[in-house]
């Protein structure tokens, strides 16, 4: 089972999930899965297969593929909307969980809800390296 890390109330991140993980996530009480990993990265389960498995287990599923180097302001808006409009708790995942953490953290900084340095330190304490957050946030604010 993939390890989950809560990064905000009702929102956790994880590394790439596999088919067997979906039923476990449902048993743990998750209501929604957000997949931020593009299918082009050689994923073990395509977005279409993951959606079908999530629905079989009574979970909502959303696919918002991003790469760390190409996150846009539109991606932030889309991610915030998915988090706001879907049942919680939510598990958002990518290859390692880091890009999803970065995506969420950027929504917080760009939206004026949190300080980038504080989020970088918090993420590091949880085992995630999002040192690119200040630069990404500055780029997306301009």
C-alpha atoms as a PDB file:
ATOM      1  CA  UNK A   1       0.000   0.000   0.000  1.00  0.00           C
ATOM      2  CA  UNK A   2       1.228   3.446  -0.907  1.00  0.00           C
ATOM      3  CA  UNK A   3       1.978   5.684   2.100  1.00  0.00           C
ATOM      4  CA  UNK A   4      -0.155   8.813   2.348  1.00  0.00           C
ATOM      5  CA  UNK A   5       0.877  12.128   3.907  1.00  0.00           C
ATOM      6  CA  UNK A   6      -1.670  14.715   4.998  1.00  0.00           C
ATOM      7  CA  UNK A   7      -0.616  18.176   3.822  1.00  0.00           C
ATOM      8  CA  UNK A   8      -3.796  20.092   4.657  1.00  0.00           C
ATOM      9  CA  UNK A   9      -7.061  19.192   6.371  1.00  0.00           C
ATOM     10  CA  UNK A  10      -8.810  16.710   4.083  1.00  0.00           C
ATOM     11  CA  UNK A  11      -5.938  16.582   1.561  1.00  0.00           C
ATOM     12  CA  UNK A  12      -3.174  13.999   1.429  1.00  0.00           C
ATOM     13  CA  UNK A  13      -0.479  13.237  -1.125  1.00  0.00           C
ATOM     14  CA  UNK A  14       1.116   9.970  -2.151  1.00  0.00           C
ATOM     15  CA  UNK A  15       3.375   8.387  -4.695  1.00  0.00           C
ATOM     16  CA  UNK A  16       1.927   6.604  -7.713  1.00  0.00           C
ATOM     17  CA  UNK A  17      -0.903   4.295  -6.716  1.00  0.00           C
ATOM     18  CA  UNK A  18      -1.585   0.876  -8.170  1.00  0.00           C
ATOM     19  CA  UNK A  19      -4.831  -0.969  -8.771  1.00  0.00           C
ATOM     20  CA  UNK A  20      -4.720  -2.810  -5.436  1.00  0.00           C
ATOM     21  CA  UNK A  21      -4.220   0.507  -3.598  1.00  0.00           C
ATOM     22  CA  UNK A  22      -7.574   1.899  -4.720  1.00  0.00           C
ATOM     23  CA  UNK A  23      -9.663  -0.503  -2.615  1.00  0.00           C
ATOM     24  CA  UNK A  24      -7.374   0.146   0.355  1.00  0.00           C
ATOM     25  CA  UNK A  25      -7.772   3.899  -0.038  1.00  0.00           C
ATOM     26  CA  UNK A  26     -11.549   3.490  -0.039  1.00  0.00           C
ATOM     27  CA  UNK A  27     -11.310   1.380   3.141  1.00  0.00           C
ATOM     28  CA  UNK A  28      -9.193   4.098   4.747  1.00  0.00           C
ATOM     29  CA  UNK A  29     -12.011   6.565   4.117  1.00  0.00           C
ATOM     30  CA  UNK A  30     -10.743   8.525   1.133  1.00  0.00           C
ATOM     31  CA  UNK A  31     -13.576   9.845  -1.039  1.00  0.00           C
ATOM     32  CA  UNK A  32     -11.673  11.296  -4.013  1.00  0.00           C
ATOM     33  CA  UNK A  33      -8.491  10.544  -5.929  1.00  0.00           C
ATOM     34  CA  UNK A  34      -6.753  13.261  -7.953  1.00  0.00           C
ATOM     35  CA  UNK A  35      -4.123  11.963 -10.365  1.00  0.00           C
ATOM     36  CA  UNK A  36      -1.442  14.514 -11.264  1.00  0.00           C
ATOM     37  CA  UNK A  37       0.821  12.080 -13.144  1.00  0.00           C
ATOM     38  CA  UNK A  38       0.676  12.167 -16.944  1.00  0.00           C
ATOM     39  CA  UNK A  39       0.069   8.810 -18.616  1.00  0.00           C
ATOM     40  CA  UNK A  40       3.101   9.560 -20.794  1.00  0.00           C
ATOM     41  CA  UNK A  41       5.401   8.883 -17.830  1.00  0.00           C
ATOM     42  CA  UNK A  42       4.980   5.131 -18.148  1.00  0.00           C
ATOM     43  CA  UNK A  43       2.489   4.760 -15.357  1.00  0.00           C
ATOM     44  CA  UNK A  44       1.542   1.298 -14.060  1.00  0.00           C
ATOM     45  CA  UNK A  45      -2.145   2.160 -14.468  1.00  0.00           C
ATOM     46  CA  UNK A  46      -3.507   4.628 -17.039  1.00  0.00           C
ATOM     47  CA  UNK A  47      -5.825   7.415 -15.984  1.00  0.00           C
ATOM     48  CA  UNK A  48      -8.741   5.642 -17.671  1.00  0.00           C
ATOM     49  CA  UNK A  49      -8.019   2.397 -15.798  1.00  0.00           C
ATOM     50  CA  UNK A  50      -7.554   4.273 -12.530  1.00  0.00           C
ATOM     51  CA  UNK A  51     -10.850   6.096 -12.998  1.00  0.00           C
ATOM     52  CA  UNK A  52     -12.675   2.822 -13.626  1.00  0.00           C
ATOM     53  CA  UNK A  53     -11.088   1.251 -10.538  1.00  0.00           C
ATOM     54  CA  UNK A  54     -11.910   4.289  -8.397  1.00  0.00           C
ATOM     55  CA  UNK A  55     -15.534   4.238  -9.529  1.00  0.00           C
ATOM     56  CA  UNK A  56     -15.738   0.483  -8.826  1.00  0.00           C
ATOM     57  CA  UNK A  57     -14.712   1.293  -5.271  1.00  0.00           C
ATOM     58  CA  UNK A  58     -17.133   4.205  -4.826  1.00  0.00           C
ATOM     59  CA  UNK A  59     -14.527   6.944  -5.168  1.00  0.00           C
ATOM     60  CA  UNK A  60     -14.543  10.093  -7.250  1.00  0.00           C
ATOM     61  CA  UNK A  61     -11.652  10.445  -9.645  1.00  0.00           C
ATOM     62  CA  UNK A  62     -10.056  13.429 -11.348  1.00  0.00           C
ATOM     63  CA  UNK A  63      -7.158  13.577 -13.790  1.00  0.00           C
ATOM     64  CA  UNK A  64      -5.056  16.743 -13.827  1.00  0.00           C
ATOM     65  CA  UNK A  65      -1.693  15.788 -15.335  1.00  0.00           C
ATOM     66  CA  UNK A  66       1.124  18.247 -14.652  1.00  0.00           C
ATOM     67  CA  UNK A  67       4.899  18.322 -14.722  1.00  0.00           C
ATOM     68  CA  UNK A  68       6.851  20.329 -12.156  1.00  0.00           C
ATOM     69  CA  UNK A  69       8.610  22.388 -14.795  1.00  0.00           C
ATOM     70  CA  UNK A  70       5.435  23.354 -16.643  1.00  0.00           C
ATOM     71  CA  UNK A  71       2.901  24.110 -13.887  1.00  0.00           C
ATOM     72  CA  UNK A  72       0.754  27.055 -14.969  1.00  0.00           C
ATOM     73  CA  UNK A  73      -1.621  29.445 -13.252  1.00  0.00           C
ATOM     74  CA  UNK A  74      -4.453  27.522 -14.936  1.00  0.00           C
ATOM     75  CA  UNK A  75      -3.188  24.323 -13.270  1.00  0.00           C
ATOM     76  CA  UNK A  76      -3.378  26.039  -9.880  1.00  0.00           C
ATOM     77  CA  UNK A  77      -6.941  27.169 -10.518  1.00  0.00           C
ATOM     78  CA  UNK A  78      -7.942  23.695 -11.716  1.00  0.00           C
ATOM     79  CA  UNK A  79      -6.341  21.983  -8.714  1.00  0.00           C
ATOM     80  CA  UNK A  80      -7.958  24.371  -6.234  1.00  0.00           C
ATOM     81  CA  UNK A  81     -11.323  23.779  -7.891  1.00  0.00           C
ATOM     82  CA  UNK A  82     -10.910  19.993  -7.698  1.00  0.00           C
ATOM     83  CA  UNK A  83     -10.000  20.188  -4.019  1.00  0.00           C
ATOM     84  CA  UNK A  84     -12.877  22.565  -3.248  1.00  0.00           C
ATOM     85  CA  UNK A  85     -15.566  20.713  -5.200  1.00  0.00           C
ATOM     86  CA  UNK A  86     -14.834  17.055  -4.436  1.00  0.00           C
ATOM     87  CA  UNK A  87     -15.667  15.075  -1.311  1.00  0.00           C
ATOM     88  CA  UNK A  88     -12.957  14.843   1.309  1.00  0.00           C
ATOM     89  CA  UNK A  89     -10.704  13.346   2.320  1.00  0.00           C
ATOM     90  CA  UNK A  90      -8.864  13.569  -0.976  1.00  0.00           C
ATOM     91  CA  UNK A  91      -5.747  11.713  -2.025  1.00  0.00           C
ATOM     92  CA  UNK A  92      -3.753  13.470  -4.737  1.00  0.00           C
ATOM     93  CA  UNK A  93      -0.834  11.612  -6.268  1.00  0.00           C
ATOM     94  CA  UNK A  94       1.949  11.686  -8.829  1.00  0.00           C
ATOM     95  CA  UNK A  95       5.160   9.673  -9.206  1.00  0.00           C
ATOM     96  CA  UNK A  96       6.555  10.473  -5.745  1.00  0.00           C
ATOM     97  CA  UNK A  97       4.015  12.886  -4.241  1.00  0.00           C
ATOM     98  CA  UNK A  98       6.431  15.808  -4.531  1.00  0.00           C
ATOM     99  CA  UNK A  99       4.971  17.447  -7.647  1.00  0.00           C
ATOM    100  CA  UNK A 100       1.481  17.239  -6.149  1.00  0.00           C
ATOM    101  CA  UNK A 101       2.738  18.786  -2.906  1.00  0.00           C
ATOM    102  CA  UNK A 102       4.409  21.535  -4.983  1.00  0.00           C
ATOM    103  CA  UNK A 103       1.191  22.136  -6.936  1.00  0.00           C
ATOM    104  CA  UNK A 104      -0.845  22.510  -3.740  1.00  0.00           C
ATOM    105  CA  UNK A 105       1.800  24.678  -2.058  1.00  0.00           C
ATOM    106  CA  UNK A 106       1.859  26.993  -5.080  1.00  0.00           C
ATOM    107  CA  UNK A 107      -1.910  27.472  -4.757  1.00  0.00           C
ATOM    108  CA  UNK A 108      -1.349  28.579  -1.179  1.00  0.00           C
ATOM    109  CA  UNK A 109       1.483  31.004  -1.919  1.00  0.00           C
ATOM    110  CA  UNK A 110       0.029  32.516  -5.092  1.00  0.00           C
ATOM    111  CA  UNK A 111      -3.327  32.857  -3.334  1.00  0.00           C
ATOM    112  CA  UNK A 112      -1.685  34.730  -0.432  1.00  0.00           C
ATOM    113  CA  UNK A 113      -2.653  32.030   2.092  1.00  0.00           C
ATOM    114  CA  UNK A 114       0.853  30.943   3.121  1.00  0.00           C
ATOM    115  CA  UNK A 115       4.530  31.843   3.044  1.00  0.00           C
ATOM    116  CA  UNK A 116       6.712  29.913   0.594  1.00  0.00           C
ATOM    117  CA  UNK A 117       9.633  29.461   3.000  1.00  0.00           C
ATOM    118  CA  UNK A 118       7.349  28.084   5.695  1.00  0.00           C
ATOM    119  CA  UNK A 119       5.777  25.605   3.269  1.00  0.00           C
ATOM    120  CA  UNK A 120       9.192  24.484   1.985  1.00  0.00           C
ATOM    121  CA  UNK A 121      10.293  23.806   5.579  1.00  0.00           C
ATOM    122  CA  UNK A 122       7.039  22.015   6.418  1.00  0.00           C
ATOM    123  CA  UNK A 123       7.337  19.851   3.314  1.00  0.00           C
ATOM    124  CA  UNK A 124      10.972  19.004   4.109  1.00  0.00           C
ATOM    125  CA  UNK A 125       9.936  17.880   7.590  1.00  0.00           C
ATOM    126  CA  UNK A 126       7.483  15.497   5.912  1.00  0.00           C
ATOM    127  CA  UNK A 127      10.114  14.198   3.487  1.00  0.00           C
ATOM    128  CA  UNK A 128       9.281  16.268   0.398  1.00  0.00           C
ATOM    129  CA  UNK A 129      11.681  18.597  -1.438  1.00  0.00           C
ATOM    130  CA  UNK A 130       9.745  21.557  -2.829  1.00  0.00           C
ATOM    131  CA  UNK A 131      12.624  24.071  -2.801  1.00  0.00           C
ATOM    132  CA  UNK A 132      11.499  25.312  -6.219  1.00  0.00           C
ATOM    133  CA  UNK A 133       8.297  26.724  -4.669  1.00  0.00           C
ATOM    134  CA  UNK A 134       9.486  30.348  -4.213  1.00  0.00           C
ATOM    135  CA  UNK A 135      10.661  30.566  -7.826  1.00  0.00           C
ATOM    136  CA  UNK A 136       7.532  28.862  -9.192  1.00  0.00           C
ATOM    137  CA  UNK A 137       5.239  31.080  -7.125  1.00  0.00           C
ATOM    138  CA  UNK A 138       7.026  34.246  -8.237  1.00  0.00           C
ATOM    139  CA  UNK A 139       6.741  33.172 -11.877  1.00  0.00           C
ATOM    140  CA  UNK A 140       3.022  32.426 -11.542  1.00  0.00           C
ATOM    141  CA  UNK A 141       2.254  35.670  -9.689  1.00  0.00           C
ATOM    142  CA  UNK A 142       3.691  37.813 -12.479  1.00  0.00           C
END
